[in-house]
Every structure is written in C-alpha cells, then in structure tokens.
Amino acid sequence: MRVVGIYNADGGLSGELRHAFDKVTGRSDCGLCDLTHGWNAFGKRSWRDACRASPVPIELIHRDEATESQLTAARDLPAVLVGDEGDWHLAADRVLISSLRKDPAALLDYLEERIERING
C-alpha cells in the first residue's frame, strides 16, 4: 500500500513558477505545498522532522505526475491518497490539509490512524 500526496501544482520549473505566480495573485492555493515547503525550495524543517518521526512513508507528486485513477480518487487537489494503482482511497482532502498546513506532525498522525482503519 502506498501513501501519495498530490500537490495542486504542476512539476518542473515552469510549474513551480506558475504556482508561485498564482499563489501571489490569489488564483491558486495548495495547502500541501504550504505544509511541506512553503517558499523554501529545500522543504520546511518541520516537515522533514515530522516525516523522520512518522512511520507513514508518504510520496509527494505534482498533479501532472498523477495517474487518472489518482486524480479521480482525489477529486479536488491537494489530496493524500492511500492504496495502489486502480484502488485509491482518499485519506486527506483539501479542507483537512489546509486546516493542518502549519502542523505536519498532526497530518502524518491523522494519516497513520486512517491507514490503520483502511487496513482494518
């Protein structure tokens, strides 16, 4: 089983620049971006520390790197999914991610509990 976080932004330099422009102008928002790296290209220390302390192996991808089945399961981005190709489950939606954008440990704790419920 994989845990995949999907940013509400495209990858690559042009995608990052577009996201920065859209964020500054208020056209787009990505709580997952804010949580993991904000304006720091190397990532936030709080995110790295929370990942080291958590048993949840989260993989982060941009929306242009997501598969159709992932995008369908996510519905609205950003999102965190649990599962594997063809069988994805929404574990954290845009609203939850946004509410925890300053508390990466809380998001990872929530995901750990959610995974335990899914694996039941």
PDB file of N, CA and C in Angstrom:
ATOM      1  N   MET A   1       0.845  -1.180   0.000  1.00  0.00           N
ATOM      2  CA  MET A   1       0.000   0.000   0.000  1.00  0.00           C
ATOM      3  C   MET A   1       0.890   1.242   0.000  1.00  0.00           C
ATOM      4  N   ARG A   2       0.507   2.203  -0.833  1.00  0.00           N
ATOM      5  CA  ARG A   2       1.263   3.457  -0.924  1.00  0.00           C
ATOM      6  C   ARG A   2       0.441   4.617  -0.356  1.00  0.00           C
ATOM      7  N   VAL A   3       1.140   5.617   0.126  1.00  0.00           N
ATOM      8  CA  VAL A   3       0.533   6.879   0.555  1.00  0.00           C
ATOM      9  C   VAL A   3       1.093   7.939  -0.371  1.00  0.00           C
ATOM     10  N   VAL A   4       0.197   8.600  -1.111  1.00  0.00           N
ATOM     11  CA  VAL A   4       0.622   9.561  -2.124  1.00  0.00           C
ATOM     12  C   VAL A   4      -0.075  10.898  -1.884  1.00  0.00           C
ATOM     13  N   GLY A   5       0.731  11.935  -1.696  1.00  0.00           N
ATOM     14  CA  GLY A   5       0.213  13.293  -1.604  1.00  0.00           C
ATOM     15  C   GLY A   5       0.346  13.955  -2.968  1.00  0.00           C
ATOM     16  N   ILE A   6      -0.739  14.581  -3.423  1.00  0.00           N
ATOM     17  CA  ILE A   6      -0.721  15.222  -4.737  1.00  0.00           C
ATOM     18  C   ILE A   6      -0.869  16.731  -4.555  1.00  0.00           C
ATOM     19  N   TYR A   7       0.153  17.447  -4.994  1.00  0.00           N
ATOM     20  CA  TYR A   7       0.133  18.907  -4.941  1.00  0.00           C
ATOM     21  C   TYR A   7      -0.864  19.475  -5.947  1.00  0.00           C
ATOM     22  N   ASN A   8      -1.415  20.613  -5.637  1.00  0.00           N
ATOM     23  CA  ASN A   8      -2.258  21.348  -6.570  1.00  0.00           C
ATOM     24  C   ASN A   8      -1.369  22.269  -7.405  1.00  0.00           C
ATOM     25  N   ALA A   9      -0.386  21.674  -8.036  1.00  0.00           N
ATOM     26  CA  ALA A   9       0.578  22.412  -8.861  1.00  0.00           C
ATOM     27  C   ALA A   9       1.274  21.411  -9.775  1.00  0.00           C
ATOM     28  N   ASP A  10       1.718  21.892 -10.913  1.00  0.00           N
ATOM     29  CA  ASP A  10       2.480  21.057 -11.835  1.00  0.00           C
ATOM     30  C   ASP A  10       3.949  21.074 -11.448  1.00  0.00           C
ATOM     31  N   GLY A  11       4.668  20.034 -11.870  1.00  0.00           N
ATOM     32  CA  GLY A  11       6.083  19.919 -11.578  1.00  0.00           C
ATOM     33  C   GLY A  11       6.937  20.694 -12.560  1.00  0.00           C
ATOM     34  N   GLY A  12       8.222  20.652 -12.340  1.00  0.00           N
ATOM     35  CA  GLY A  12       9.173  21.339 -13.212  1.00  0.00           C
ATOM     36  C   GLY A  12       9.263  22.819 -12.912  1.00  0.00           C
ATOM     37  N   LEU A  13      10.242  23.440 -13.504  1.00  0.00           N
ATOM     38  CA  LEU A  13      10.479  24.864 -13.259  1.00  0.00           C
ATOM     39  C   LEU A  13       9.285  25.720 -13.662  1.00  0.00           C
ATOM     40  N   SER A  14       8.722  25.452 -14.831  1.00  0.00           N
ATOM     41  CA  SER A  14       7.587  26.266 -15.275  1.00  0.00           C
ATOM     42  C   SER A  14       6.375  26.063 -14.370  1.00  0.00           C
ATOM     43  N   GLY A  15       6.166  24.835 -13.906  1.00  0.00           N
ATOM     44  CA  GLY A  15       5.063  24.578 -12.994  1.00  0.00           C
ATOM     45  C   GLY A  15       5.248  25.284 -11.662  1.00  0.00           C
ATOM     46  N   GLU A  16       6.469  25.265 -11.161  1.00  0.00           N
ATOM     47  CA  GLU A  16       6.761  25.949  -9.892  1.00  0.00           C
ATOM     48  C   GLU A  16       6.589  27.468 -10.030  1.00  0.00           C
ATOM     49  N   LEU A  17       7.061  28.005 -11.139  1.00  0.00           N
ATOM     50  CA  LEU A  17       6.911  29.441 -11.361  1.00  0.00           C
ATOM     51  C   LEU A  17       5.443  29.830 -11.504  1.00  0.00           C
ATOM     52  N   ARG A  18       4.676  29.016 -12.220  1.00  0.00           N
ATOM     53  CA  ARG A  18       3.241  29.269 -12.380  1.00  0.00           C
ATOM     54  C   ARG A  18       2.545  29.216 -11.031  1.00  0.00           C
ATOM     55  N   HIS A  19       2.883  28.222 -10.220  1.00  0.00           N
ATOM     56  CA  HIS A  19       2.268  28.100  -8.901  1.00  0.00           C
ATOM     57  C   HIS A  19       2.605  29.310  -8.031  1.00  0.00           C
ATOM     58  N   ALA A  20       3.857  29.742  -8.052  1.00  0.00           N
ATOM     59  CA  ALA A  20       4.258  30.911  -7.259  1.00  0.00           C
ATOM     60  C   ALA A  20       3.481  32.149  -7.707  1.00  0.00           C
ATOM     61  N   PHE A  21       3.365  32.341  -9.025  1.00  0.00           N
ATOM     62  CA  PHE A  21       2.621  33.487  -9.544  1.00  0.00           C
ATOM     63  C   PHE A  21       1.151  33.410  -9.129  1.00  0.00           C
ATOM     64  N   ASP A  22       0.552  32.226  -9.287  1.00  0.00           N
ATOM     65  CA  ASP A  22      -0.859  32.058  -8.940  1.00  0.00           C
ATOM     66  C   ASP A  22      -1.088  32.236  -7.442  1.00  0.00           C
ATOM     67  N   LYS A  23      -0.127  31.805  -6.631  1.00  0.00           N
ATOM     68  CA  LYS A  23      -0.257  31.968  -5.185  1.00  0.00           C
ATOM     69  C   LYS A  23      -0.204  33.446  -4.798  1.00  0.00           C
ATOM     70  N   VAL A  24       0.747  34.166  -5.367  1.00  0.00           N
ATOM     71  CA  VAL A  24       0.896  35.584  -5.062  1.00  0.00           C
ATOM     72  C   VAL A  24      -0.331  36.384  -5.499  1.00  0.00           C
ATOM     73  N   THR A  25      -0.897  36.015  -6.641  1.00  0.00           N
ATOM     74  CA  THR A  25      -2.052  36.746  -7.172  1.00  0.00           C
ATOM     75  C   THR A  25      -3.379  36.233  -6.633  1.00  0.00           C
ATOM     76  N   GLY A  26      -3.345  35.172  -5.804  1.00  0.00           N
ATOM     77  CA  GLY A  26      -4.557  34.643  -5.210  1.00  0.00           C
ATOM     78  C   GLY A  26      -5.388  33.770  -6.136  1.00  0.00           C
ATOM     79  N   ARG A  27      -4.821  33.340  -7.246  1.00  0.00           N
ATOM     80  CA  ARG A  27      -5.557  32.500  -8.203  1.00  0.00           C
ATOM     81  C   ARG A  27      -5.558  31.025  -7.830  1.00  0.00           C
ATOM     82  N   SER A  28      -4.603  30.606  -7.019  1.00  0.00           N
ATOM     83  CA  SER A  28      -4.491  29.193  -6.674  1.00  0.00           C
ATOM     84  C   SER A  28      -3.928  29.066  -5.270  1.00  0.00           C
ATOM     85  N   ASP A  29      -4.223  27.922  -4.679  1.00  0.00           N
ATOM     86  CA  ASP A  29      -3.759  27.665  -3.326  1.00  0.00           C
ATOM     87  C   ASP A  29      -3.422  26.179  -3.215  1.00  0.00           C
ATOM     88  N   CYS A  30      -2.391  25.855  -2.449  1.00  0.00           N
ATOM     89  CA  CYS A  30      -2.043  24.461  -2.218  1.00  0.00           C
ATOM     90  C   CYS A  30      -1.581  24.311  -0.775  1.00  0.00           C
ATOM     91  N   GLY A  31      -2.481  23.828   0.076  1.00  0.00           N
ATOM     92  CA  GLY A  31      -2.144  23.622   1.471  1.00  0.00           C
ATOM     93  C   GLY A  31      -1.024  22.616   1.657  1.00  0.00           C
ATOM     94  N   LEU A  32      -0.924  21.636   0.738  1.00  0.00           N
ATOM     95  CA  LEU A  32       0.151  20.650   0.838  1.00  0.00           C
ATOM     96  C   LEU A  32       1.504  21.294   0.532  1.00  0.00           C
ATOM     97  N   CYS A  33       1.528  22.202  -0.428  1.00  0.00           N
ATOM     98  CA  CYS A  33       2.764  22.954  -0.719  1.00  0.00           C
ATOM     99  C   CYS A  33       3.177  23.764   0.513  1.00  0.00           C
ATOM    100  N   ASP A  34       2.193  24.441   1.113  1.00  0.00           N
ATOM    101  CA  ASP A  34       2.473  25.245   2.305  1.00  0.00           C
ATOM    102  C   ASP A  34       3.011  24.374   3.431  1.00  0.00           C
ATOM    103  N   LEU A  35       2.460  23.189   3.582  1.00  0.00           N
ATOM    104  CA  LEU A  35       2.843  22.278   4.654  1.00  0.00           C
ATOM    105  C   LEU A  35       4.248  21.722   4.464  1.00  0.00           C
ATOM    106  N   THR A  36       4.586  21.331   3.247  1.00  0.00           N
ATOM    107  CA  THR A  36       5.852  20.634   3.014  1.00  0.00           C
ATOM    108  C   THR A  36       7.034  21.546   2.731  1.00  0.00           C
ATOM    109  N   HIS A  37       6.790  22.661   2.041  1.00  0.00           N
ATOM    110  CA  HIS A  37       7.943  23.503   1.708  1.00  0.00           C
ATOM    111  C   HIS A  37       7.688  25.003   1.696  1.00  0.00           C
ATOM    112  N   GLY A  38       6.455  25.458   1.572  1.00  0.00           N
ATOM    113  CA  GLY A  38       6.210  26.899   1.537  1.00  0.00           C
ATOM    114  C   GLY A  38       7.045  27.551   0.453  1.00  0.00           C
ATOM    115  N   TRP A  39       7.791  28.571   0.799  1.00  0.00           N
ATOM    116  CA  TRP A  39       8.658  29.257  -0.172  1.00  0.00           C
ATOM    117  C   TRP A  39      10.067  28.678  -0.192  1.00  0.00           C
ATOM    118  N   ASN A  40      10.333  27.672   0.650  1.00  0.00           N
ATOM    119  CA  ASN A  40      11.664  27.078   0.753  1.00  0.00           C
ATOM    120  C   ASN A  40      11.786  25.908  -0.229  1.00  0.00           C
ATOM    121  N   ALA A  41      12.589  26.049  -1.240  1.00  0.00           N
ATOM    122  CA  ALA A  41      12.754  25.004  -2.259  1.00  0.00           C
ATOM    123  C   ALA A  41      13.315  23.703  -1.673  1.00  0.00           C
ATOM    124  N   PHE A  42      13.983  23.782  -0.537  1.00  0.00           N
ATOM    125  CA  PHE A  42      14.560  22.597   0.093  1.00  0.00           C
ATOM    126  C   PHE A  42      13.601  21.924   1.069  1.00  0.00           C
ATOM    127  N   GLY A  43      12.464  22.517   1.289  1.00  0.00           N
ATOM    128  CA  GLY A  43      11.472  21.958   2.206  1.00  0.00           C
ATOM    129  C   GLY A  43      11.604  22.528   3.605  1.00  0.00           C
ATOM    130  N   LYS A  44      10.496  22.507   4.310  1.00  0.00           N
ATOM    131  CA  LYS A  44      10.473  23.011   5.678  1.00  0.00           C
ATOM    132  C   LYS A  44      11.097  21.992   6.632  1.00  0.00           C
ATOM    133  N   ARG A  45      11.841  22.502   7.570  1.00  0.00           N
ATOM    134  CA  ARG A  45      12.445  21.642   8.587  1.00  0.00           C
ATOM    135  C   ARG A  45      11.359  20.909   9.374  1.00  0.00           C
ATOM    136  N   SER A  46      10.250  21.584   9.667  1.00  0.00           N
ATOM    137  CA  SER A  46       9.173  20.949  10.430  1.00  0.00           C
ATOM    138  C   SER A  46       8.601  19.753   9.674  1.00  0.00           C
ATOM    139  N   TRP A  47       8.520  19.836   8.346  1.00  0.00           N
ATOM    140  CA  TRP A  47       8.033  18.713   7.540  1.00  0.00           C
ATOM    141  C   TRP A  47       9.046  17.558   7.576  1.00  0.00           C
ATOM    142  N   ARG A  48      10.309  17.874   7.364  1.00  0.00           N
ATOM    143  CA  ARG A  48      11.337  16.829   7.376  1.00  0.00           C
ATOM    144  C   ARG A  48      11.391  16.125   8.728  1.00  0.00           C
ATOM    145  N   ASP A  49      11.307  16.904   9.817  1.00  0.00           N
ATOM    146  CA  ASP A  49      11.343  16.327  11.159  1.00  0.00           C
ATOM    147  C   ASP A  49      10.130  15.430  11.400  1.00  0.00           C
ATOM    148  N   ALA A  50       8.957  15.880  10.975  1.00  0.00           N
ATOM    149  CA  ALA A  50       7.732  15.086  11.160  1.00  0.00           C
ATOM    150  C   ALA A  50       7.814  13.782  10.368  1.00  0.00           C
ATOM    151  N   CYS A  51       8.353  13.840   9.164  1.00  0.00           N
ATOM    152  CA  CYS A  51       8.499  12.625   8.342  1.00  0.00           C
ATOM    153  C   CYS A  51       9.461  11.629   8.984  1.00  0.00           C
ATOM    154  N   ARG A  52      10.548  12.134   9.553  1.00  0.00           N
ATOM    155  CA  ARG A  52      11.512  11.244  10.215  1.00  0.00           C
ATOM    156  C   ARG A  52      10.884  10.561  11.426  1.00  0.00           C
ATOM    157  N   ALA A  53       9.989  11.253  12.117  1.00  0.00           N
ATOM    158  CA  ALA A  53       9.377  10.719  13.333  1.00  0.00           C
ATOM    159  C   ALA A  53       8.156   9.837  13.053  1.00  0.00           C
ATOM    160  N   SER A  54       7.664   9.846  11.836  1.00  0.00           N
ATOM    161  CA  SER A  54       6.433   9.136  11.494  1.00  0.00           C
ATOM    162  C   SER A  54       6.718   7.822  10.755  1.00  0.00           C
ATOM    163  N   PRO A  55       5.890   6.806  10.999  1.00  0.00           N
ATOM    164  CA  PRO A  55       6.030   5.565  10.245  1.00  0.00           C
ATOM    165  C   PRO A  55       5.340   5.622   8.871  1.00  0.00           C
ATOM    166  N   VAL A  56       4.705   6.736   8.554  1.00  0.00           N
ATOM    167  CA  VAL A  56       3.970   6.867   7.293  1.00  0.00           C
ATOM    168  C   VAL A  56       4.936   7.251   6.172  1.00  0.00           C
ATOM    169  N   PRO A  57       5.128   6.363   5.202  1.00  0.00           N
ATOM    170  CA  PRO A  57       6.034   6.658   4.074  1.00  0.00           C
ATOM    171  C   PRO A  57       5.279   7.391   2.961  1.00  0.00           C
ATOM    172  N   ILE A  58       5.232   8.687   3.034  1.00  0.00           N
ATOM    173  CA  ILE A  58       4.443   9.456   2.070  1.00  0.00           C
ATOM    174  C   ILE A  58       5.291   9.847   0.857  1.00  0.00           C
ATOM    175  N   GLU A  59       4.725   9.652  -0.296  1.00  0.00           N
ATOM    176  CA  GLU A  59       5.338  10.030  -1.573  1.00  0.00           C
ATOM    177  C   GLU A  59       4.601  11.277  -2.063  1.00  0.00           C
ATOM    178  N   LEU A  60       5.321  12.298  -2.442  1.00  0.00           N
ATOM    179  CA  LEU A  60       4.709  13.546  -2.905  1.00  0.00           C
ATOM    180  C   LEU A  60       4.909  13.703  -4.406  1.00  0.00           C
ATOM    181  N   ILE A  61       3.813  13.988  -5.108  1.00  0.00           N
ATOM    182  CA  ILE A  61       3.877  14.181  -6.553  1.00  0.00           C
ATOM    183  C   ILE A  61       3.079  15.422  -6.941  1.00  0.00           C
ATOM    184  N   HIS A  62       3.370  15.926  -8.122  1.00  0.00           N
ATOM    185  CA  HIS A  62       2.611  17.059  -8.667  1.00  0.00           C
ATOM    186  C   HIS A  62       1.434  16.528  -9.469  1.00  0.00           C
ATOM    187  N   ARG A  63       0.433  17.377  -9.697  1.00  0.00           N
ATOM    188  CA  ARG A  63      -0.778  16.917 -10.386  1.00  0.00           C
ATOM    189  C   ARG A  63      -0.488  16.394 -11.785  1.00  0.00           C
ATOM    190  N   ASP A  64       0.519  16.936 -12.475  1.00  0.00           N
ATOM    191  CA  ASP A  64       0.829  16.440 -13.819  1.00  0.00           C
ATOM    192  C   ASP A  64       1.588  15.109 -13.788  1.00  0.00           C
ATOM    193  N   GLU A  65       1.939  14.639 -12.607  1.00  0.00           N
ATOM    194  CA  GLU A  65       2.602  13.346 -12.452  1.00  0.00           C
ATOM    195  C   GLU A  65       1.632  12.267 -11.961  1.00  0.00           C
ATOM    196  N   ALA A  66       0.433  12.681 -11.589  1.00  0.00           N
ATOM    197  CA  ALA A  66      -0.568  11.756 -11.062  1.00  0.00           C
ATOM    198  C   ALA A  66      -1.240  10.990 -12.198  1.00  0.00           C
ATOM    199  N   THR A  67      -1.659   9.766 -11.884  1.00  0.00           N
ATOM    200  CA  THR A  67      -2.393   8.972 -12.865  1.00  0.00           C
ATOM    201  C   THR A  67      -3.864   9.400 -12.875  1.00  0.00           C
ATOM    202  N   GLU A  68      -4.570   8.980 -13.898  1.00  0.00           N
ATOM    203  CA  GLU A  68      -6.005   9.286 -13.980  1.00  0.00           C
ATOM    204  C   GLU A  68      -6.758   8.715 -12.780  1.00  0.00           C
ATOM    205  N   SER A  69      -6.406   7.497 -12.372  1.00  0.00           N
ATOM    206  CA  SER A  69      -7.109   6.898 -11.232  1.00  0.00           C
ATOM    207  C   SER A  69      -6.824   7.668  -9.939  1.00  0.00           C
ATOM    208  N   GLN A  70      -5.617   8.207  -9.798  1.00  0.00           N
ATOM    209  CA  GLN A  70      -5.311   9.024  -8.621  1.00  0.00           C
ATOM    210  C   GLN A  70      -6.109  10.325  -8.643  1.00  0.00           C
ATOM    211  N   LEU A  71      -6.160  10.975  -9.783  1.00  0.00           N
ATOM    212  CA  LEU A  71      -6.897  12.237  -9.885  1.00  0.00           C
ATOM    213  C   LEU A  71      -8.391  12.020  -9.660  1.00  0.00           C
ATOM    214  N   THR A  72      -8.913  10.916 -10.139  1.00  0.00           N
ATOM    215  CA  THR A  72     -10.325  10.606  -9.925  1.00  0.00           C
ATOM    216  C   THR A  72     -10.612  10.399  -8.443  1.00  0.00           C
ATOM    217  N   ALA A  73      -9.753   9.658  -7.756  1.00  0.00           N
ATOM    218  CA  ALA A  73      -9.939   9.409  -6.324  1.00  0.00           C
ATOM    219  C   ALA A  73      -9.780  10.692  -5.511  1.00  0.00           C
ATOM    220  N   ALA A  74      -8.868  11.554  -5.943  1.00  0.00           N
ATOM    221  CA  ALA A  74      -8.602  12.796  -5.205  1.00  0.00           C
ATOM    222  C   ALA A  74      -9.765  13.775  -5.307  1.00  0.00           C
ATOM    223  N   ARG A  75     -10.397  13.843  -6.452  1.00  0.00           N
ATOM    224  CA  ARG A  75     -11.493  14.768  -6.739  1.00  0.00           C
ATOM    225  C   ARG A  75     -11.048  16.221  -6.774  1.00  0.00           C
ATOM    226  N   ASP A  76     -10.493  16.706  -5.697  1.00  0.00           N
ATOM    227  CA  ASP A  76     -10.064  18.105  -5.605  1.00  0.00           C
ATOM    228  C   ASP A  76      -8.675  18.102  -4.982  1.00  0.00           C
ATOM    229  N   LEU A  77      -7.802  18.948  -5.497  1.00  0.00           N
ATOM    230  CA  LEU A  77      -6.422  18.971  -5.018  1.00  0.00           C
ATOM    231  C   LEU A  77      -6.154  20.189  -4.153  1.00  0.00           C
ATOM    232  N   PRO A  78      -5.210  20.050  -3.229  1.00  0.00           N
ATOM    233  CA  PRO A  78      -4.354  18.909  -2.933  1.00  0.00           C
ATOM    234  C   PRO A  78      -5.129  17.806  -2.218  1.00  0.00           C
ATOM    235  N   ALA A  79      -4.536  16.629  -2.224  1.00  0.00           N
ATOM    236  CA  ALA A  79      -5.140  15.467  -1.571  1.00  0.00           C
ATOM    237  C   ALA A  79      -4.049  14.472  -1.209  1.00  0.00           C
ATOM    238  N   VAL A  80      -4.367  13.605  -0.256  1.00  0.00           N
ATOM    239  CA  VAL A  80      -3.497  12.488   0.072  1.00  0.00           C
ATOM    240  C   VAL A  80      -4.328  11.224  -0.116  1.00  0.00           C
ATOM    241  N   LEU A  81      -3.767  10.290  -0.881  1.00  0.00           N
ATOM    242  CA  LEU A  81      -4.431   9.034  -1.189  1.00  0.00           C
ATOM    243  C   LEU A  81      -3.692   7.866  -0.557  1.00  0.00           C
ATOM    244  N   VAL A  82      -4.440   6.805  -0.302  1.00  0.00           N
ATOM    245  CA  VAL A  82      -3.870   5.560   0.194  1.00  0.00           C
ATOM    246  C   VAL A  82      -4.345   4.459  -0.740  1.00  0.00           C
ATOM    247  N   GLY A  83      -3.445   3.560  -1.128  1.00  0.00           N
ATOM    248  CA  GLY A  83      -3.833   2.437  -1.968  1.00  0.00           C
ATOM    249  C   GLY A  83      -2.758   2.079  -2.954  1.00  0.00           C
ATOM    250  N   ASP A  84      -3.212   1.620  -4.108  1.00  0.00           N
ATOM    251  CA  ASP A  84      -2.300   1.323  -5.200  1.00  0.00           C
ATOM    252  C   ASP A  84      -3.062   1.514  -6.505  1.00  0.00           C
ATOM    253  N   GLU A  85      -2.369   1.416  -7.609  1.00  0.00           N
ATOM    254  CA  GLU A  85      -2.961   1.748  -8.897  1.00  0.00           C
ATOM    255  C   GLU A  85      -4.269   0.990  -9.111  1.00  0.00           C
ATOM    256  N   GLY A  86      -5.299   1.747  -9.407  1.00  0.00           N
ATOM    257  CA  GLY A  86      -6.612   1.173  -9.645  1.00  0.00           C
ATOM    258  C   GLY A  86      -7.471   1.078  -8.405  1.00  0.00           C
ATOM    259  N   ASP A  87      -6.909   1.249  -7.221  1.00  0.00           N
ATOM    260  CA  ASP A  87      -7.671   1.124  -5.983  1.00  0.00           C
ATOM    261  C   ASP A  87      -7.203   2.168  -4.962  1.00  0.00           C
ATOM    262  N   TRP A  88      -7.451   3.422  -5.268  1.00  0.00           N
ATOM    263  CA  TRP A  88      -7.041   4.523  -4.399  1.00  0.00           C
ATOM    264  C   TRP A  88      -8.196   4.948  -3.513  1.00  0.00           C
ATOM    265  N   HIS A  89      -7.859   5.333  -2.267  1.00  0.00           N
ATOM    266  CA  HIS A  89      -8.842   5.850  -1.321  1.00  0.00           C
ATOM    267  C   HIS A  89      -8.387   7.226  -0.848  1.00  0.00           C
ATOM    268  N   LEU A  90      -9.305   8.158  -0.789  1.00  0.00           N
ATOM    269  CA  LEU A  90      -8.986   9.496  -0.296  1.00  0.00           C
ATOM    270  C   LEU A  90      -8.759   9.420   1.206  1.00  0.00           C
ATOM    271  N   ALA A  91      -7.581   9.800   1.639  1.00  0.00           N
ATOM    272  CA  ALA A  91      -7.241   9.763   3.063  1.00  0.00           C
ATOM    273  C   ALA A  91      -7.300  11.149   3.692  1.00  0.00           C
ATOM    274  N   ALA A  92      -6.948  12.177   2.939  1.00  0.00           N
ATOM    275  CA  ALA A  92      -6.998  13.555   3.446  1.00  0.00           C
ATOM    276  C   ALA A  92      -7.366  14.472   2.286  1.00  0.00           C
ATOM    277  N   ASP A  93      -8.425  15.230   2.468  1.00  0.00           N
ATOM    278  CA  ASP A  93      -8.873  16.116   1.397  1.00  0.00           C
ATOM    279  C   ASP A  93      -8.291  17.520   1.552  1.00  0.00           C
ATOM    280  N   ARG A  94      -8.619  18.348   0.601  1.00  0.00           N
ATOM    281  CA  ARG A  94      -8.101  19.716   0.550  1.00  0.00           C
ATOM    282  C   ARG A  94      -8.390  20.497   1.822  1.00  0.00           C
ATOM    283  N   VAL A  95      -9.597  20.345   2.354  1.00  0.00           N
ATOM    284  CA  VAL A  95     -10.002  21.098   3.552  1.00  0.00           C
ATOM    285  C   VAL A  95      -9.174  20.670   4.762  1.00  0.00           C
ATOM    286  N   LEU A  96      -9.023  19.358   4.950  1.00  0.00           N
ATOM    287  CA  LEU A  96      -8.224  18.864   6.083  1.00  0.00           C
ATOM    288  C   LEU A  96      -6.769  19.295   5.952  1.00  0.00           C
ATOM    289  N   ILE A  97      -6.209  19.127   4.768  1.00  0.00           N
ATOM    290  CA  ILE A  97      -4.809  19.514   4.552  1.00  0.00           C
ATOM    291  C   ILE A  97      -4.620  20.998   4.846  1.00  0.00           C
ATOM    292  N   SER A  98      -5.536  21.815   4.371  1.00  0.00           N
ATOM    293  CA  SER A  98      -5.441  23.260   4.603  1.00  0.00           C
ATOM    294  C   SER A  98      -5.521  23.583   6.093  1.00  0.00           C
ATOM    295  N   SER A  99      -6.372  22.866   6.819  1.00  0.00           N
ATOM    296  CA  SER A  99      -6.520  23.146   8.253  1.00  0.00           C
ATOM    297  C   SER A  99      -5.275  22.746   9.047  1.00  0.00           C
ATOM    298  N   LEU A 100      -4.464  21.833   8.482  1.00  0.00           N
ATOM    299  CA  LEU A 100      -3.258  21.362   9.173  1.00  0.00           C
ATOM    300  C   LEU A 100      -1.979  21.886   8.532  1.00  0.00           C
ATOM    301  N   ARG A 101      -2.094  22.897   7.696  1.00  0.00           N
ATOM    302  CA  ARG A 101      -0.934  23.360   6.922  1.00  0.00           C
ATOM    303  C   ARG A 101       0.230  23.850   7.783  1.00  0.00           C
ATOM    304  N   LYS A 102      -0.002  24.112   9.059  1.00  0.00           N
ATOM    305  CA  LYS A 102       1.088  24.542   9.937  1.00  0.00           C
ATOM    306  C   LYS A 102       1.487  23.453  10.926  1.00  0.00           C
ATOM    307  N   ASP A 103       0.918  22.262  10.761  1.00  0.00           N
ATOM    308  CA  ASP A 103       1.181  21.190  11.711  1.00  0.00           C
ATOM    309  C   ASP A 103       1.401  19.862  10.986  1.00  0.00           C
ATOM    310  N   PRO A 104       2.583  19.690  10.376  1.00  0.00           N
ATOM    311  CA  PRO A 104       2.824  18.468   9.610  1.00  0.00           C
ATOM    312  C   PRO A 104       2.726  17.191  10.441  1.00  0.00           C
ATOM    313  N   ALA A 105       3.125  17.234  11.692  1.00  0.00           N
ATOM    314  CA  ALA A 105       3.039  16.035  12.535  1.00  0.00           C
ATOM    315  C   ALA A 105       1.584  15.612  12.709  1.00  0.00           C
ATOM    316  N   ALA A 106       0.679  16.582  12.845  1.00  0.00           N
ATOM    317  CA  ALA A 106      -0.742  16.255  13.007  1.00  0.00           C
ATOM    318  C   ALA A 106      -1.290  15.587  11.742  1.00  0.00           C
ATOM    319  N   LEU A 107      -0.879  16.045  10.575  1.00  0.00           N
ATOM    320  CA  LEU A 107      -1.331  15.404   9.337  1.00  0.00           C
ATOM    321  C   LEU A 107      -0.821  13.969   9.263  1.00  0.00           C
ATOM    322  N   LEU A 108       0.438  13.756   9.552  1.00  0.00           N
ATOM    323  CA  LEU A 108       1.001  12.410   9.489  1.00  0.00           C
ATOM    324  C   LEU A 108       0.379  11.490  10.544  1.00  0.00           C
ATOM    325  N   ASP A 109       0.076  12.021  11.732  1.00  0.00           N
ATOM    326  CA  ASP A 109      -0.617  11.238  12.753  1.00  0.00           C
ATOM    327  C   ASP A 109      -2.013  10.844  12.266  1.00  0.00           C
ATOM    328  N   TYR A 110      -2.712  11.790  11.656  1.00  0.00           N
ATOM    329  CA  TYR A 110      -4.039  11.505  11.105  1.00  0.00           C
ATOM    330  C   TYR A 110      -3.948  10.415  10.036  1.00  0.00           C
ATOM    331  N   LEU A 111      -2.971  10.531   9.159  1.00  0.00           N
ATOM    332  CA  LEU A 111      -2.812   9.536   8.095  1.00  0.00           C
ATOM    333  C   LEU A 111      -2.502   8.151   8.668  1.00  0.00           C
ATOM    334  N   GLU A 112      -1.688   8.111   9.706  1.00  0.00           N
ATOM    335  CA  GLU A 112      -1.380   6.829  10.330  1.00  0.00           C
ATOM    336  C   GLU A 112      -2.658   6.165  10.847  1.00  0.00           C
ATOM    337  N   GLU A 113      -3.511   6.940  11.527  1.00  0.00           N
ATOM    338  CA  GLU A 113      -4.783   6.408  12.034  1.00  0.00           C
ATOM    339  C   GLU A 113      -5.695   5.982  10.876  1.00  0.00           C
ATOM    340  N   ARG A 114      -5.743   6.778   9.837  1.00  0.00           N
ATOM    341  CA  ARG A 114      -6.598   6.483   8.663  1.00  0.00           C
ATOM    342  C   ARG A 114      -6.149   5.197   7.979  1.00  0.00           C
ATOM    343  N   ILE A 115      -4.849   5.008   7.841  1.00  0.00           N
ATOM    344  CA  ILE A 115      -4.317   3.796   7.225  1.00  0.00           C
ATOM    345  C   ILE A 115      -4.683   2.573   8.063  1.00  0.00           C
ATOM    346  N   GLU A 116      -4.593   2.697   9.368  1.00  0.00           N
ATOM    347  CA  GLU A 116      -4.964   1.589  10.253  1.00  0.00           C
ATOM    348  C   GLU A 116      -6.431   1.222  10.070  1.00  0.00           C
ATOM    349  N   ARG A 117      -7.315   2.234   9.914  1.00  0.00           N
ATOM    350  CA  ARG A 117      -8.740   1.968   9.692  1.00  0.00           C
ATOM    351  C   ARG A 117      -8.979   1.307   8.333  1.00  0.00           C
ATOM    352  N   ILE A 118      -8.275   1.757   7.312  1.00  0.00           N
ATOM    353  CA  ILE A 118      -8.431   1.179   5.958  1.00  0.00           C
ATOM    354  C   ILE A 118      -7.961  -0.267   5.955  1.00  0.00           C
ATOM    355  N   ASN A 119      -6.844  -0.530   6.625  1.00  0.00           N
ATOM    356  CA  ASN A 119      -6.303  -1.891   6.665  1.00  0.00           C
ATOM    357  C   ASN A 119      -7.117  -2.792   7.588  1.00  0.00           C
ATOM    358  N   GLY A 120      -7.873  -2.137   8.514  1.00  0.00           N
ATOM    359  CA  GLY A 120      -8.764  -2.762   9.453  1.00  0.00           C
ATOM    360  C   GLY A 120      -8.539  -4.103   9.843  1.00  0.00           C
TER     361      GLY A 120
END
